[in-house]
Protein backbone atom coordinates (compact mmCIF):
# COMPACT_ATOMS: atom_id res chain seq x y z
CA MET A 1 -20.14 14.21 -17.04
CA ASP A 2 -18.02 15.31 -14.13
CA ALA A 3 -18.42 13.97 -10.62
CA ARG A 4 -19.74 16.34 -7.97
CA LEU A 5 -16.99 15.21 -5.63
CA ASN A 6 -13.64 13.59 -6.28
CA LEU A 7 -13.85 10.66 -3.87
CA PHE A 8 -10.18 9.84 -4.31
CA ALA A 9 -8.96 13.37 -3.57
CA SER A 10 -10.97 13.72 -0.37
CA PRO A 11 -9.18 12.27 2.66
CA ILE A 12 -12.47 11.49 4.41
CA ALA A 13 -14.26 10.01 1.38
CA GLY A 14 -11.12 8.09 0.41
CA LYS A 15 -10.92 6.56 3.88
CA VAL A 16 -14.60 5.58 3.89
CA VAL A 17 -14.40 4.05 0.40
CA LYS A 18 -11.24 2.15 1.39
CA HIS A 19 -12.95 0.69 4.47
CA LEU A 20 -16.11 -0.21 2.52
CA ALA A 21 -13.99 -1.96 -0.09
CA SER A 22 -12.10 -3.83 2.65
CA ALA A 23 -15.41 -4.97 4.11
CA GLY A 24 -16.42 -6.31 0.70
CA PHE A 25 -13.18 -8.25 0.40
CA ALA A 26 -14.06 -10.05 3.65
CA ILE A 27 -16.54 -12.20 1.69
CA PRO A 28 -14.51 -14.94 -0.01
CA ASP A 29 -15.68 -16.88 -3.04
CA ALA A 30 -15.48 -20.04 -0.93
CA VAL A 31 -18.35 -18.80 1.24
CA LEU A 32 -20.47 -17.29 -1.51
CA PRO A 33 -19.79 -18.00 -5.20
CA HIS A 34 -18.24 -15.10 -7.07
CA SER A 35 -20.97 -15.24 -9.72
CA THR A 36 -23.67 -14.90 -7.06
CA GLN A 37 -21.84 -11.97 -5.52
CA GLU A 38 -21.64 -10.15 -8.84
CA LEU A 39 -25.28 -10.85 -9.72
CA VAL A 40 -26.39 -9.41 -6.37
CA LYS A 41 -24.21 -6.32 -6.81
CA ILE A 42 -25.53 -5.81 -10.33
CA ARG A 43 -29.18 -6.11 -9.30
CA ALA A 44 -28.83 -3.67 -6.39
CA SER A 45 -26.96 -1.24 -8.63
CA GLN A 46 -29.70 -1.43 -11.26
CA ILE A 47 -32.35 -0.64 -8.64
CA ASN A 48 -30.32 2.26 -7.25
CA GLY A 49 -29.36 3.63 -10.67
CA CYS A 50 -25.64 3.47 -9.99
CA GLY A 51 -23.93 3.51 -13.37
CA PHE A 52 -20.45 3.42 -11.84
CA CYS A 53 -21.16 0.17 -9.99
CA LEU A 54 -23.00 -1.37 -12.96
CA ASP A 55 -20.00 -0.62 -15.15
CA MET A 56 -17.64 -2.17 -12.60
CA HIS A 57 -19.59 -5.29 -11.73
CA THR A 58 -20.71 -6.23 -15.22
CA LYS A 59 -17.12 -5.93 -16.42
CA ASP A 60 -15.73 -7.86 -13.45
CA ALA A 61 -18.38 -10.57 -13.93
CA THR A 62 -17.54 -10.80 -17.65
CA ALA A 63 -13.82 -11.06 -16.87
CA ALA A 64 -14.60 -13.86 -14.41
CA GLY A 65 -16.42 -15.81 -17.13
CA GLU A 66 -20.05 -14.80 -16.62
CA THR A 67 -22.10 -15.12 -19.82
CA PRO A 68 -23.56 -12.10 -21.59
CA LEU A 69 -27.03 -13.71 -21.50
CA ARG A 70 -27.03 -14.00 -17.72
CA LEU A 71 -25.77 -10.45 -17.33
CA HIS A 72 -28.39 -9.06 -19.72
CA MET A 73 -31.19 -10.87 -17.92
CA VAL A 74 -30.44 -9.73 -14.34
CA ALA A 75 -33.09 -6.99 -14.43
CA VAL A 76 -35.75 -9.56 -15.36
CA TRP A 77 -34.41 -12.51 -13.36
CA ARG A 78 -37.90 -13.71 -12.41
CA GLU A 79 -38.75 -14.48 -16.04
CA ALA A 80 -35.29 -15.72 -17.03
CA LYS A 81 -34.49 -19.44 -17.04
CA VAL A 82 -30.74 -18.92 -16.72
CA TYR A 83 -30.44 -18.70 -12.92
CA THR A 84 -30.38 -21.43 -10.29
CA GLU A 85 -32.93 -21.47 -7.49
CA ALA A 86 -30.17 -20.37 -5.10
CA GLU A 87 -29.30 -17.40 -7.32
CA ARG A 88 -32.97 -16.47 -7.54
CA ALA A 89 -33.22 -16.51 -3.74
CA ALA A 90 -30.13 -14.27 -3.51
CA LEU A 91 -31.54 -11.87 -6.11
CA GLU A 92 -34.85 -11.66 -4.25
CA LEU A 93 -33.03 -10.95 -0.99
CA ALA A 94 -30.95 -8.30 -2.77
CA GLU A 95 -34.06 -6.62 -4.17
CA GLN A 96 -35.92 -6.59 -0.89
CA GLY A 97 -32.80 -5.55 1.05
CA THR A 98 -32.30 -2.68 -1.38
CA ARG A 99 -35.95 -1.59 -1.36
CA LEU A 100 -36.45 -1.71 2.41
CA ALA A 101 -38.94 1.18 2.38
CA ASP A 102 -41.24 -0.64 -0.06
CA HIS A 103 -42.47 -3.16 2.52
CA HIS A 104 -43.41 -2.38 6.11
CA THR A 105 -41.28 -5.23 7.45
CA GLY A 106 -38.32 -4.70 5.13
CA VAL A 107 -37.32 -8.15 3.91
CA THR A 108 -40.29 -10.52 4.04
CA ASP A 109 -40.20 -13.76 5.97
CA ALA A 110 -40.89 -15.62 2.72
CA ALA A 111 -37.81 -14.13 1.01
CA TRP A 112 -35.65 -14.88 4.06
CA GLU A 113 -36.92 -18.43 4.40
CA ASN A 114 -36.34 -19.06 0.69
CA ALA A 115 -32.77 -17.80 0.96
CA ALA A 116 -32.26 -19.96 4.07
CA LYS A 117 -33.22 -23.04 2.04
CA HIS A 118 -30.20 -22.46 -0.21
CA TYR A 119 -27.64 -20.79 2.04
CA ASP A 120 -26.30 -21.65 5.48
CA GLU A 121 -25.89 -19.03 8.21
CA GLU A 122 -22.40 -17.98 7.14
CA GLN A 123 -23.56 -17.58 3.54
CA LEU A 124 -26.62 -15.60 4.68
CA ALA A 125 -24.30 -13.36 6.71
CA ALA A 126 -22.20 -12.87 3.57
CA LEU A 127 -25.28 -12.05 1.49
CA VAL A 128 -26.64 -9.56 4.01
CA SER A 129 -23.23 -7.91 4.32
CA LEU A 130 -22.72 -7.80 0.57
CA ILE A 131 -26.16 -6.23 0.00
CA ALA A 132 -25.49 -3.59 2.66
CA ILE A 133 -22.04 -2.78 1.25
CA ILE A 134 -23.17 -2.46 -2.38
CA ASN A 135 -26.06 -0.25 -1.32
CA ALA A 136 -23.62 2.03 0.52
CA PHE A 137 -21.38 2.22 -2.56
CA ASN A 138 -24.41 2.84 -4.81
CA ARG A 139 -25.55 5.73 -2.65
CA ILE A 140 -22.12 7.34 -2.47
CA ASN A 141 -21.65 7.08 -6.24
CA ALA A 142 -25.18 8.20 -7.13
CA MET A 143 -25.11 11.22 -4.80
CA THR A 144 -21.77 12.36 -6.18
CA GLN A 145 -22.67 11.45 -9.77
CA GLN A 146 -19.58 9.33 -10.40
CA PRO A 147 -19.26 8.83 -14.17
CA ALA A 148 -19.42 5.33 -15.63
CA GLY A 149 -17.79 3.62 -18.57
CA ASP A 150 -14.04 3.86 -17.91
CA TYR A 151 -13.68 1.02 -15.42
CA VAL A 152 -11.06 -1.64 -16.19
CA PRO A 153 -11.76 -5.12 -14.75
CA GLY A 154 -9.86 -5.66 -11.53
CA GLN A 155 -8.96 -1.98 -11.27
CA PHE A 156 -9.62 -1.79 -7.52
CA ALA A 157 -8.65 -5.36 -6.60
C-alpha cells in the first residue's frame, strides 16, 4: 500500500506533523505515566482505524516494558482485569473524547468526574491534550492512508 501523500516530502505537512509531535513531547512521564499515555494513544488509534499509529504505539509501549496481555486487551478494557482504575478512567476519557459526535454533550460528566478522581488538574490537562493530539495524528494518517508495519521503536523520538 502506498500513501496518498508523502507527509515528509510536503513542506506544509512536514511542518504540521513536526509541531504536533512537539506538542506531544510537552507531556512528560512525570505528569502522566508513560504506560497510560501509550494505552490512551492505542485506544484512540483503534477507534479511528489508524494502523500507522497502532503500529507505532504498540511497538513503543512494548519497548518501554508494557506486557503483551495488556496491549492485546486494550480494545476490550472494560472486561479486562489488567488495568488500574486510573487507567480505566483515562481509557474512558479517551474513548469519549475520540467519539465526540456519539453523545450530545461530548464527554459525559460521569466520565470527567471519574477521571478527576484519579488525576489532578495538570494530569487532566495532559490527558485532554494527549487525546486531542493523537486524534489529529490519526486523522492525518487515515486520510492519507499511511502504511503500517515498518515502524521502529523510538524512530521519531
